[in-house]
Amino acid sequence: MEKPMFKTVQEVIAAGEGLPERYLHEPTGEGESQPLNCSVPDMDIPAIDLSLLFSSSEEGREELSKLHSALSTWGVMNHGITEAFLDKIYKLTKQFFALPTEDKQKCARETGNIQGYGNDMILSDNQVLDWIDRLFLTTYPEDKRQLQFWPQVPVGFSETLHEYTMKQRVVIEKFFKAMARSLELEENCFLKMYGENAIMNSRFNFFPPCPRPDKVIGIKPHADGSAITLLLPDKDVEGLQFLKDGKWYKAPIVPDTILINLGDQMEIMSNGIYKSPVHRVVTNREKERISVATFCVPGPDKEIL
């Protein structure tokens, strides 16, 4: 059962009461022996042109090989999307989190409901909190949208999110087909497993500057339970890291791309050939950071084998 909600991080900062102990993170798992803010090497992940993956040319075969290597090694790849549209998403996300608290609270999530603005559910009295405020919205199917949580301000937010969702659906279809081709399987096999009633949840993340980046984490280490996750990272501030062979690596900033990482359900669907990577987000002392993650989950009528 969910515990009483805690203040958002922005409210904690505004109160000027110092850093609550609830945010202090103690290393507990693999790859956590070093301070959270220590220097880590870059990941080497390629940008993949999805349009080339369906070409029978030599260039197309090389791109398919790059995809296979990226997903079997890291479970992550980059894909380009229109710069102007991504800038629009960034701008609206920043504008929303810059609103006065009373305006954001109009979208506040309710106890027991994951959708809406605030922080994540607190399920135990000793749960360490992540240094993040977020807006979580189901975007597809359209009849699953809870529009009372969709911001009316900034103007154009809802319309842009709908458009972004439709653009993502095109990428998702191409990506599932490309993965099947890379494994020499029937092109639509993963799409059939994903299903026509698949769910898309978008999560707008805001990480304020943190006074103790060595002790406070933005998002704890985890693997996604989705089939795939489409991530729009911050344009300027690093923070996303992936665990490989017991070591953390940072995802480099690649302009005008969305990062696609595989979730647990895709690892199952590919018989373990493609990996669902463990990842985390670290904090920054001087700079705020935003990101937008869309979790793509197979339809509830589908059994993943």
C-alpha atoms as a PDB file:
ATOM      1  CA  MET A   1       0.000   0.000   0.000  1.00  0.00           C
ATOM      2  CA  GLU A   2       1.252   3.470  -0.867  1.00  0.00           C
ATOM      3  CA  LYS A   3       2.598   5.618   1.971  1.00  0.00           C
ATOM      4  CA  PRO A   4       1.720   9.339   2.305  1.00  0.00           C
ATOM      5  CA  MET A   5       3.203  11.445  -0.474  1.00  0.00           C
ATOM      6  CA  PHE A   6       6.398  13.403   0.154  1.00  0.00           C
ATOM      7  CA  LYS A   7       7.105  16.936  -1.042  1.00  0.00           C
ATOM      8  CA  THR A   8       8.373  17.284  -4.591  1.00  0.00           C
ATOM      9  CA  VAL A   9      12.101  18.022  -4.891  1.00  0.00           C
ATOM     10  CA  GLN A  10      11.339  21.554  -6.041  1.00  0.00           C
ATOM     11  CA  GLU A  11       9.235  22.072  -2.895  1.00  0.00           C
ATOM     12  CA  VAL A  12      12.048  20.688  -0.715  1.00  0.00           C
ATOM     13  CA  ILE A  13      14.492  23.168  -2.259  1.00  0.00           C
ATOM     14  CA  ALA A  14      12.059  26.094  -1.955  1.00  0.00           C
ATOM     15  CA  ALA A  15      11.494  25.326   1.758  1.00  0.00           C
ATOM     16  CA  GLY A  16      15.214  25.888   2.414  1.00  0.00           C
ATOM     17  CA  GLU A  17      15.321  23.248   5.147  1.00  0.00           C
ATOM     18  CA  GLY A  18      18.425  21.449   3.908  1.00  0.00           C
ATOM     19  CA  LEU A  19      18.711  17.968   2.453  1.00  0.00           C
ATOM     20  CA  PRO A  20      16.320  15.440   4.054  1.00  0.00           C
ATOM     21  CA  GLU A  21      17.892  12.115   5.013  1.00  0.00           C
ATOM     22  CA  ARG A  22      15.259  10.337   2.927  1.00  0.00           C
ATOM     23  CA  TYR A  23      17.354  11.182  -0.170  1.00  0.00           C
ATOM     24  CA  LEU A  24      20.716   9.861   1.064  1.00  0.00           C
ATOM     25  CA  HIS A  25      21.670   6.792  -0.962  1.00  0.00           C
ATOM     26  CA  GLU A  26      23.839   3.998   0.403  1.00  0.00           C
ATOM     27  CA  PRO A  27      25.613   1.734  -2.127  1.00  0.00           C
ATOM     28  CA  THR A  28      23.980  -1.687  -2.125  1.00  0.00           C
ATOM     29  CA  GLY A  29      24.522  -3.429  -5.454  1.00  0.00           C
ATOM     30  CA  GLU A  30      26.828  -4.241  -8.337  1.00  0.00           C
ATOM     31  CA  GLY A  31      28.851  -1.311  -9.655  1.00  0.00           C
ATOM     32  CA  GLU A  32      28.068   0.909  -6.638  1.00  0.00           C
ATOM     33  CA  SER A  33      31.417   0.797  -4.817  1.00  0.00           C
ATOM     34  CA  GLN A  34      32.469   4.186  -6.256  1.00  0.00           C
ATOM     35  CA  PRO A  35      30.967   7.593  -5.354  1.00  0.00           C
ATOM     36  CA  LEU A  36      27.919   8.439  -7.445  1.00  0.00           C
ATOM     37  CA  ASN A  37      29.635  11.494  -8.910  1.00  0.00           C
ATOM     38  CA  CYS A  38      32.912   9.831  -9.892  1.00  0.00           C
ATOM     39  CA  SER A  39      34.139  10.042 -13.477  1.00  0.00           C
ATOM     40  CA  VAL A  40      33.038   7.167 -15.748  1.00  0.00           C
ATOM     41  CA  PRO A  41      33.956   6.362 -19.374  1.00  0.00           C
ATOM     42  CA  ASP A  42      31.706   6.990 -22.368  1.00  0.00           C
ATOM     43  CA  MET A  43      29.594   4.275 -23.938  1.00  0.00           C
ATOM     44  CA  ASP A  44      30.322   3.542 -27.568  1.00  0.00           C
ATOM     45  CA  ILE A  45      26.851   3.299 -29.057  1.00  0.00           C
ATOM     46  CA  PRO A  46      26.127   3.956 -32.724  1.00  0.00           C
ATOM     47  CA  ALA A  47      23.453   6.140 -34.284  1.00  0.00           C
ATOM     48  CA  ILE A  48      21.314   3.889 -36.475  1.00  0.00           C
ATOM     49  CA  ASP A  49      19.430   5.063 -39.568  1.00  0.00           C
ATOM     50  CA  LEU A  50      16.220   3.020 -39.398  1.00  0.00           C
ATOM     51  CA  SER A  51      15.390   3.785 -43.025  1.00  0.00           C
ATOM     52  CA  LEU A  52      18.574   2.028 -44.165  1.00  0.00           C
ATOM     53  CA  LEU A  53      17.734  -1.159 -42.267  1.00  0.00           C
ATOM     54  CA  PHE A  54      15.201  -2.168 -44.905  1.00  0.00           C
ATOM     55  CA  SER A  55      17.567  -1.712 -47.826  1.00  0.00           C
ATOM     56  CA  SER A  56      19.104  -4.736 -49.574  1.00  0.00           C
ATOM     57  CA  SER A  57      22.191  -2.672 -50.432  1.00  0.00           C
ATOM     58  CA  GLU A  58      25.599  -3.187 -48.854  1.00  0.00           C
ATOM     59  CA  GLU A  59      24.999  -0.020 -46.833  1.00  0.00           C
ATOM     60  CA  GLY A  60      21.744  -1.490 -45.543  1.00  0.00           C
ATOM     61  CA  ARG A  61      23.421  -4.758 -44.518  1.00  0.00           C
ATOM     62  CA  GLU A  62      26.119  -2.829 -42.658  1.00  0.00           C
ATOM     63  CA  GLU A  63      23.476  -0.806 -40.793  1.00  0.00           C
ATOM     64  CA  LEU A  64      21.653  -4.024 -39.839  1.00  0.00           C
ATOM     65  CA  SER A  65      24.923  -5.435 -38.503  1.00  0.00           C
ATOM     66  CA  LYS A  66      25.467  -2.256 -36.439  1.00  0.00           C
ATOM     67  CA  LEU A  67      21.988  -2.643 -34.974  1.00  0.00           C
ATOM     68  CA  HIS A  68      22.582  -6.268 -34.020  1.00  0.00           C
ATOM     69  CA  SER A  69      25.910  -5.421 -32.402  1.00  0.00           C
ATOM     70  CA  ALA A  70      24.510  -2.462 -30.432  1.00  0.00           C
ATOM     71  CA  LEU A  71      21.514  -4.383 -29.068  1.00  0.00           C
ATOM     72  CA  SER A  72      23.383  -7.585 -28.210  1.00  0.00           C
ATOM     73  CA  THR A  73      26.247  -5.646 -26.559  1.00  0.00           C
ATOM     74  CA  TRP A  74      24.527  -2.702 -24.872  1.00  0.00           C
ATOM     75  CA  GLY A  75      20.802  -3.066 -25.485  1.00  0.00           C
ATOM     76  CA  VAL A  76      20.912   0.594 -26.577  1.00  0.00           C
ATOM     77  CA  MET A  77      21.044   2.606 -29.823  1.00  0.00           C
ATOM     78  CA  ASN A  78      20.498   6.177 -31.027  1.00  0.00           C
ATOM     79  CA  HIS A  79      18.041   7.224 -33.736  1.00  0.00           C
ATOM     80  CA  GLY A  80      17.780  10.685 -35.299  1.00  0.00           C
ATOM     81  CA  ILE A  81      14.521  12.664 -35.366  1.00  0.00           C
ATOM     82  CA  THR A  82      13.622  16.159 -36.579  1.00  0.00           C
ATOM     83  CA  GLU A  83      15.590  18.771 -34.623  1.00  0.00           C
ATOM     84  CA  ALA A  84      12.845  21.423 -34.615  1.00  0.00           C
ATOM     85  CA  PHE A  85      10.300  19.018 -33.174  1.00  0.00           C
ATOM     86  CA  LEU A  86      12.630  17.759 -30.445  1.00  0.00           C
ATOM     87  CA  ASP A  87      13.358  21.369 -29.509  1.00  0.00           C
ATOM     88  CA  LYS A  88       9.620  21.900 -29.083  1.00  0.00           C
ATOM     89  CA  ILE A  89       9.401  18.954 -26.665  1.00  0.00           C
ATOM     90  CA  TYR A  90      12.398  20.260 -24.676  1.00  0.00           C
ATOM     91  CA  LYS A  91      10.954  23.755 -24.462  1.00  0.00           C
ATOM     92  CA  LEU A  92       7.500  22.625 -23.304  1.00  0.00           C
ATOM     93  CA  THR A  93       9.015  20.282 -20.697  1.00  0.00           C
ATOM     94  CA  LYS A  94      11.184  23.060 -19.253  1.00  0.00           C
ATOM     95  CA  GLN A  95       8.233  25.464 -19.254  1.00  0.00           C
ATOM     96  CA  PHE A  96       6.028  23.026 -17.377  1.00  0.00           C
ATOM     97  CA  PHE A  97       8.521  22.400 -14.569  1.00  0.00           C
ATOM     98  CA  ALA A  98       9.221  26.160 -14.331  1.00  0.00           C
ATOM     99  CA  LEU A  99       5.537  26.864 -13.566  1.00  0.00           C
ATOM    100  CA  PRO A 100       4.533  27.954 -10.043  1.00  0.00           C
ATOM    101  CA  THR A 101       3.800  25.019  -7.733  1.00  0.00           C
ATOM    102  CA  GLU A 102       0.063  25.764  -7.656  1.00  0.00           C
ATOM    103  CA  ASP A 103      -0.129  25.480 -11.460  1.00  0.00           C
ATOM    104  CA  LYS A 104       1.742  22.160 -11.558  1.00  0.00           C
ATOM    105  CA  GLN A 105      -0.436  20.845  -8.727  1.00  0.00           C
ATOM    106  CA  LYS A 106      -3.457  21.074 -11.034  1.00  0.00           C
ATOM    107  CA  CYS A 107      -1.985  17.930 -12.657  1.00  0.00           C
ATOM    108  CA  ALA A 108      -1.004  16.288  -9.347  1.00  0.00           C
ATOM    109  CA  ARG A 109      -1.310  12.528  -9.197  1.00  0.00           C
ATOM    110  CA  GLU A 110      -3.683  10.971  -6.709  1.00  0.00           C
ATOM    111  CA  THR A 111      -2.782   8.329  -4.121  1.00  0.00           C
ATOM    112  CA  GLY A 112      -2.702   4.919  -5.791  1.00  0.00           C
ATOM    113  CA  ASN A 113      -2.539   6.374  -9.310  1.00  0.00           C
ATOM    114  CA  ILE A 114       0.767   6.485 -11.162  1.00  0.00           C
ATOM    115  CA  GLN A 115      -0.459   9.111 -13.632  1.00  0.00           C
ATOM    116  CA  GLY A 116       0.003  12.806 -12.971  1.00  0.00           C
ATOM    117  CA  TYR A 117       2.594  15.220 -11.566  1.00  0.00           C
ATOM    118  CA  GLY A 118       4.626  14.708  -8.416  1.00  0.00           C
ATOM    119  CA  ASN A 119       7.075  12.063  -7.254  1.00  0.00           C
ATOM    120  CA  ASP A 120       7.021   8.292  -7.451  1.00  0.00           C
ATOM    121  CA  MET A 121       5.016   6.112  -5.098  1.00  0.00           C
ATOM    122  CA  ILE A 122       6.492   5.576  -1.629  1.00  0.00           C
ATOM    123  CA  LEU A 123       5.832   1.950  -0.728  1.00  0.00           C
ATOM    124  CA  SER A 124       7.867   1.590   2.495  1.00  0.00           C
ATOM    125  CA  ASP A 125       8.851   3.784   5.440  1.00  0.00           C
ATOM    126  CA  ASN A 126      12.573   3.337   4.761  1.00  0.00           C
ATOM    127  CA  GLN A 127      12.417   3.859   0.967  1.00  0.00           C
ATOM    128  CA  VAL A 128      15.246   6.113  -0.241  1.00  0.00           C
ATOM    129  CA  LEU A 129      13.812   8.815  -2.493  1.00  0.00           C
ATOM    130  CA  ASP A 130      15.119   9.714  -5.940  1.00  0.00           C
ATOM    131  CA  TRP A 131      16.057  13.339  -6.669  1.00  0.00           C
ATOM    132  CA  ILE A 132      13.400  13.758  -9.341  1.00  0.00           C
ATOM    133  CA  ASP A 133      10.036  15.352 -10.013  1.00  0.00           C
ATOM    134  CA  ARG A 134       8.022  13.870 -12.836  1.00  0.00           C
ATOM    135  CA  LEU A 135       4.856  14.052 -14.913  1.00  0.00           C
ATOM    136  CA  PHE A 136       3.647  10.568 -15.918  1.00  0.00           C
ATOM    137  CA  LEU A 137       0.971  10.212 -18.622  1.00  0.00           C
ATOM    138  CA  THR A 138      -0.467   7.269 -20.544  1.00  0.00           C
ATOM    139  CA  THR A 139      -0.495   8.458 -24.159  1.00  0.00           C
ATOM    140  CA  TYR A 140      -1.684   5.411 -26.116  1.00  0.00           C
ATOM    141  CA  PRO A 141      -4.204   3.896 -26.718  1.00  0.00           C
ATOM    142  CA  GLU A 142      -6.036   7.198 -26.772  1.00  0.00           C
ATOM    143  CA  ASP A 143      -8.986   5.850 -24.782  1.00  0.00           C
ATOM    144  CA  LYS A 144      -6.589   5.111 -21.882  1.00  0.00           C
ATOM    145  CA  ARG A 145      -5.565   8.751 -21.526  1.00  0.00           C
ATOM    146  CA  GLN A 146      -6.541  10.414 -18.253  1.00  0.00           C
ATOM    147  CA  LEU A 147      -6.787  13.920 -19.643  1.00  0.00           C
ATOM    148  CA  GLN A 148      -7.383  15.526 -16.237  1.00  0.00           C
ATOM    149  CA  PHE A 149      -3.626  15.093 -15.684  1.00  0.00           C
ATOM    150  CA  TRP A 150      -2.609  16.589 -19.054  1.00  0.00           C
ATOM    151  CA  PRO A 151      -1.313  20.165 -18.618  1.00  0.00           C
ATOM    152  CA  GLN A 152      -3.295  23.001 -20.166  1.00  0.00           C
ATOM    153  CA  VAL A 153      -0.281  25.253 -19.552  1.00  0.00           C
ATOM    154  CA  PRO A 154       2.107  25.710 -21.261  1.00  0.00           C
ATOM    155  CA  VAL A 155      -0.134  26.245 -24.264  1.00  0.00           C
ATOM    156  CA  GLY A 156       0.255  23.508 -26.860  1.00  0.00           C
ATOM    157  CA  PHE A 157       1.580  20.872 -24.449  1.00  0.00           C
ATOM    158  CA  SER A 158      -1.229  18.358 -25.014  1.00  0.00           C
ATOM    159  CA  GLU A 159      -1.329  18.823 -28.780  1.00  0.00           C
ATOM    160  CA  THR A 160       2.433  18.435 -29.059  1.00  0.00           C
ATOM    161  CA  LEU A 161       2.441  15.322 -26.881  1.00  0.00           C
ATOM    162  CA  HIS A 162      -0.238  13.756 -29.095  1.00  0.00           C
ATOM    163  CA  GLU A 163       1.847  14.533 -32.186  1.00  0.00           C
ATOM    164  CA  TYR A 164       4.995  13.166 -30.530  1.00  0.00           C
ATOM    165  CA  THR A 165       3.140   9.963 -29.642  1.00  0.00           C
ATOM    166  CA  MET A 166       2.102   9.437 -33.271  1.00  0.00           C
ATOM    167  CA  LYS A 167       5.677  10.038 -34.470  1.00  0.00           C
ATOM    168  CA  GLN A 168       6.958   7.537 -31.904  1.00  0.00           C
ATOM    169  CA  ARG A 169       4.498   4.888 -33.088  1.00  0.00           C
ATOM    170  CA  VAL A 170       6.086   5.059 -36.558  1.00  0.00           C
ATOM    171  CA  VAL A 171       9.565   4.613 -35.028  1.00  0.00           C
ATOM    172  CA  ILE A 172       8.357   1.706 -32.873  1.00  0.00           C
ATOM    173  CA  GLU A 173       6.934  -0.202 -35.848  1.00  0.00           C
ATOM    174  CA  LYS A 174      10.124   0.248 -37.874  1.00  0.00           C
ATOM    175  CA  PHE A 175      12.277  -0.713 -34.895  1.00  0.00           C
ATOM    176  CA  PHE A 176      10.420  -3.960 -34.174  1.00  0.00           C
ATOM    177  CA  LYS A 177      10.623  -4.943 -37.846  1.00  0.00           C
ATOM    178  CA  ALA A 178      14.318  -4.089 -37.967  1.00  0.00           C
ATOM    179  CA  MET A 179      15.063  -6.181 -34.876  1.00  0.00           C
ATOM    180  CA  ALA A 180      13.298  -9.151 -36.468  1.00  0.00           C
ATOM    181  CA  ARG A 181      15.315  -8.705 -39.684  1.00  0.00           C
ATOM    182  CA  SER A 182      18.564  -8.495 -37.698  1.00  0.00           C
ATOM    183  CA  LEU A 183      17.777 -11.918 -36.199  1.00  0.00           C
ATOM    184  CA  GLU A 184      16.660 -13.316 -39.583  1.00  0.00           C
ATOM    185  CA  LEU A 185      13.104 -13.773 -38.331  1.00  0.00           C
ATOM    186  CA  GLU A 186       9.787 -13.047 -40.018  1.00  0.00           C
ATOM    187  CA  GLU A 187       9.545  -9.266 -40.189  1.00  0.00           C
ATOM    188  CA  ASN A 188       6.324  -8.859 -38.208  1.00  0.00           C
ATOM    189  CA  CYS A 189       6.958 -11.460 -35.498  1.00  0.00           C
ATOM    190  CA  PHE A 190       7.841  -8.965 -32.737  1.00  0.00           C
ATOM    191  CA  LEU A 191       5.058  -6.598 -33.779  1.00  0.00           C
ATOM    192  CA  LYS A 192       2.555  -9.432 -33.382  1.00  0.00           C
ATOM    193  CA  MET A 193       3.875 -10.118 -29.868  1.00  0.00           C
ATOM    194  CA  TYR A 194       3.716  -6.401 -29.064  1.00  0.00           C
ATOM    195  CA  GLY A 195       0.076  -6.297 -30.146  1.00  0.00           C
ATOM    196  CA  GLU A 196      -2.397  -3.726 -31.408  1.00  0.00           C
ATOM    197  CA  ASN A 197      -3.417  -2.841 -27.833  1.00  0.00           C
ATOM    198  CA  ALA A 198       0.123  -2.043 -26.697  1.00  0.00           C
ATOM    199  CA  ILE A 199       0.436   0.752 -24.150  1.00  0.00           C
ATOM    200  CA  MET A 200       2.667   3.835 -24.299  1.00  0.00           C
ATOM    201  CA  ASN A 201       3.457   5.768 -21.113  1.00  0.00           C
ATOM    202  CA  SER A 202       5.401   9.026 -21.303  1.00  0.00           C
ATOM    203  CA  ARG A 203       7.323  10.272 -18.293  1.00  0.00           C
ATOM    204  CA  PHE A 204       8.644  13.847 -18.219  1.00  0.00           C
ATOM    205  CA  ASN A 205      11.569  13.982 -15.769  1.00  0.00           C
ATOM    206  CA  PHE A 206      13.053  16.990 -13.978  1.00  0.00           C
ATOM    207  CA  PHE A 207      16.250  16.728 -11.924  1.00  0.00           C
ATOM    208  CA  PRO A 208      16.997  19.981 -10.030  1.00  0.00           C
ATOM    209  CA  PRO A 209      20.597  20.838  -9.063  1.00  0.00           C
ATOM    210  CA  CYS A 210      21.569  18.681  -6.090  1.00  0.00           C
ATOM    211  CA  PRO A 211      23.784  19.750  -3.153  1.00  0.00           C
ATOM    212  CA  ARG A 212      25.185  16.201  -2.663  1.00  0.00           C
ATOM    213  CA  PRO A 213      25.677  14.488  -6.031  1.00  0.00           C
ATOM    214  CA  ASP A 214      28.018  12.033  -4.286  1.00  0.00           C
ATOM    215  CA  LYS A 215      25.214  10.768  -2.021  1.00  0.00           C
ATOM    216  CA  VAL A 216      21.923  11.493  -3.818  1.00  0.00           C
ATOM    217  CA  ILE A 217      20.754   9.695  -6.961  1.00  0.00           C
ATOM    218  CA  GLY A 218      18.417  10.914  -9.685  1.00  0.00           C
ATOM    219  CA  ILE A 219      16.997   7.467 -10.486  1.00  0.00           C
ATOM    220  CA  LYS A 220      18.126   4.254  -8.784  1.00  0.00           C
ATOM    221  CA  PRO A 221      19.713   1.444 -10.858  1.00  0.00           C
ATOM    222  CA  HIS A 222      17.043  -0.573 -12.654  1.00  0.00           C
ATOM    223  CA  ALA A 223      16.151  -2.284 -15.916  1.00  0.00           C
ATOM    224  CA  ASP A 224      12.951  -1.256 -17.682  1.00  0.00           C
ATOM    225  CA  GLY A 225       9.995  -3.625 -17.590  1.00  0.00           C
ATOM    226  CA  SER A 226       8.844  -2.415 -21.004  1.00  0.00           C
ATOM    227  CA  ALA A 227       9.489  -3.955 -24.407  1.00  0.00           C
ATOM    228  CA  ILE A 228      11.416  -0.862 -25.473  1.00  0.00           C
ATOM    229  CA  THR A 229      11.891   2.638 -24.082  1.00  0.00           C
ATOM    230  CA  LEU A 230      12.324   5.735 -26.236  1.00  0.00           C
ATOM    231  CA  LEU A 231      14.326   8.363 -24.364  1.00  0.00           C
ATOM    232  CA  LEU A 232      14.801  12.002 -25.199  1.00  0.00           C
ATOM    233  CA  PRO A 233      17.840  12.940 -23.040  1.00  0.00           C
ATOM    234  CA  ASP A 234      18.849  16.426 -21.975  1.00  0.00           C
ATOM    235  CA  LYS A 235      20.552  18.386 -24.740  1.00  0.00           C
ATOM    236  CA  ASP A 236      23.341  19.741 -22.556  1.00  0.00           C
ATOM    237  CA  VAL A 237      23.652  17.915 -19.222  1.00  0.00           C
ATOM    238  CA  GLU A 238      24.853  14.320 -18.870  1.00  0.00           C
ATOM    239  CA  GLY A 239      23.512  12.014 -16.201  1.00  0.00           C
ATOM    240  CA  LEU A 240      22.295   8.760 -17.746  1.00  0.00           C
ATOM    241  CA  GLN A 241      24.623   5.794 -17.125  1.00  0.00           C
ATOM    242  CA  PHE A 242      24.520   2.111 -18.089  1.00  0.00           C
ATOM    243  CA  LEU A 243      26.032  -0.853 -16.249  1.00  0.00           C
ATOM    244  CA  LYS A 244      28.164  -3.316 -18.196  1.00  0.00           C
ATOM    245  CA  ASP A 245      30.434  -6.004 -16.744  1.00  0.00           C
ATOM    246  CA  GLY A 246      30.215  -4.449 -13.290  1.00  0.00           C
ATOM    247  CA  LYS A 247      31.222  -0.946 -14.464  1.00  0.00           C
ATOM    248  CA  TRP A 248      29.199   2.176 -15.172  1.00  0.00           C
ATOM    249  CA  TYR A 249      29.437   3.991 -18.508  1.00  0.00           C
ATOM    250  CA  LYS A 250      27.851   7.320 -19.358  1.00  0.00           C
ATOM    251  CA  ALA A 251      25.577   7.795 -22.346  1.00  0.00           C
ATOM    252  CA  PRO A 252      27.107  10.559 -24.467  1.00  0.00           C
ATOM    253  CA  ILE A 253      24.994  13.484 -25.601  1.00  0.00           C
ATOM    254  CA  VAL A 254      24.199  13.038 -29.297  1.00  0.00           C
ATOM    255  CA  PRO A 255      22.325  16.035 -30.763  1.00  0.00           C
ATOM    256  CA  ASP A 256      18.911  15.523 -32.370  1.00  0.00           C
ATOM    257  CA  THR A 257      18.506  11.866 -31.458  1.00  0.00           C
ATOM    258  CA  ILE A 258      16.295   9.736 -29.306  1.00  0.00           C
ATOM    259  CA  LEU A 259      17.949   6.902 -27.439  1.00  0.00           C
ATOM    260  CA  ILE A 260      16.224   3.520 -27.674  1.00  0.00           C
ATOM    261  CA  ASN A 261      16.943   0.984 -24.971  1.00  0.00           C
ATOM    262  CA  LEU A 262      15.476  -2.469 -24.649  1.00  0.00           C
ATOM    263  CA  GLY A 263      13.346  -3.590 -21.729  1.00  0.00           C
ATOM    264  CA  ASP A 264      12.933  -6.936 -19.999  1.00  0.00           C
ATOM    265  CA  GLN A 265      10.101  -8.019 -22.278  1.00  0.00           C
ATOM    266  CA  MET A 266      12.190  -7.545 -25.414  1.00  0.00           C
ATOM    267  CA  GLU A 267      15.016  -9.559 -23.866  1.00  0.00           C
ATOM    268  CA  ILE A 268      12.506 -12.383 -23.387  1.00  0.00           C
ATOM    269  CA  MET A 269      11.070 -11.964 -26.895  1.00  0.00           C
ATOM    270  CA  SER A 270      14.578 -12.246 -28.391  1.00  0.00           C
ATOM    271  CA  ASN A 271      15.410 -15.343 -26.285  1.00  0.00           C
ATOM    272  CA  GLY A 272      18.070 -13.377 -24.430  1.00  0.00           C
ATOM    273  CA  ILE A 273      20.066 -12.431 -27.525  1.00  0.00           C
ATOM    274  CA  TYR A 274      19.253  -8.761 -27.006  1.00  0.00           C
ATOM    275  CA  LYS A 275      19.782  -7.345 -23.537  1.00  0.00           C
ATOM    276  CA  SER A 276      17.707  -5.238 -21.159  1.00  0.00           C
ATOM    277  CA  PRO A 277      20.428  -3.026 -19.649  1.00  0.00           C
ATOM    278  CA  VAL A 278      20.603  -1.836 -16.051  1.00  0.00           C
ATOM    279  CA  HIS A 279      20.852   1.952 -15.928  1.00  0.00           C
ATOM    280  CA  ARG A 280      20.652   4.878 -13.515  1.00  0.00           C
ATOM    281  CA  VAL A 281      20.660   8.680 -13.480  1.00  0.00           C
ATOM    282  CA  VAL A 282      23.166  10.644 -11.402  1.00  0.00           C
ATOM    283  CA  THR A 283      22.667  14.211 -10.204  1.00  0.00           C
ATOM    284  CA  ASN A 284      24.517  17.457 -10.895  1.00  0.00           C
ATOM    285  CA  ARG A 285      25.512  20.094  -8.337  1.00  0.00           C
ATOM    286  CA  GLU A 286      25.212  23.126 -10.609  1.00  0.00           C
ATOM    287  CA  LYS A 287      22.756  22.291 -13.386  1.00  0.00           C
ATOM    288  CA  GLU A 288      19.191  21.091 -13.714  1.00  0.00           C
ATOM    289  CA  ARG A 289      18.472  18.279 -16.150  1.00  0.00           C
ATOM    290  CA  ILE A 290      15.373  17.117 -18.023  1.00  0.00           C
ATOM    291  CA  SER A 291      14.483  14.037 -20.036  1.00  0.00           C
ATOM    292  CA  VAL A 292      11.395  12.462 -21.575  1.00  0.00           C
ATOM    293  CA  ALA A 293      11.040   8.667 -21.519  1.00  0.00           C
ATOM    294  CA  THR A 294       8.310   6.726 -23.331  1.00  0.00           C
ATOM    295  CA  PHE A 295       7.781   3.158 -22.134  1.00  0.00           C
ATOM    296  CA  CYS A 296       6.289   0.848 -24.754  1.00  0.00           C
ATOM    297  CA  VAL A 297       4.547  -2.124 -23.143  1.00  0.00           C
ATOM    298  CA  PRO A 298       2.932  -5.083 -24.955  1.00  0.00           C
ATOM    299  CA  GLY A 299      -0.841  -5.187 -24.832  1.00  0.00           C
ATOM    300  CA  PRO A 300      -2.432  -6.780 -21.760  1.00  0.00           C
ATOM    301  CA  ASP A 301      -3.965  -9.439 -24.012  1.00  0.00           C
ATOM    302  CA  LYS A 302      -0.512 -10.659 -25.080  1.00  0.00           C
ATOM    303  CA  GLU A 303       1.511 -13.449 -23.476  1.00  0.00           C
ATOM    304  CA  ILE A 304       5.246 -12.902 -23.865  1.00  0.00           C
ATOM    305  CA  LEU A 305       7.160 -16.153 -24.326  1.00  0.00           C
END
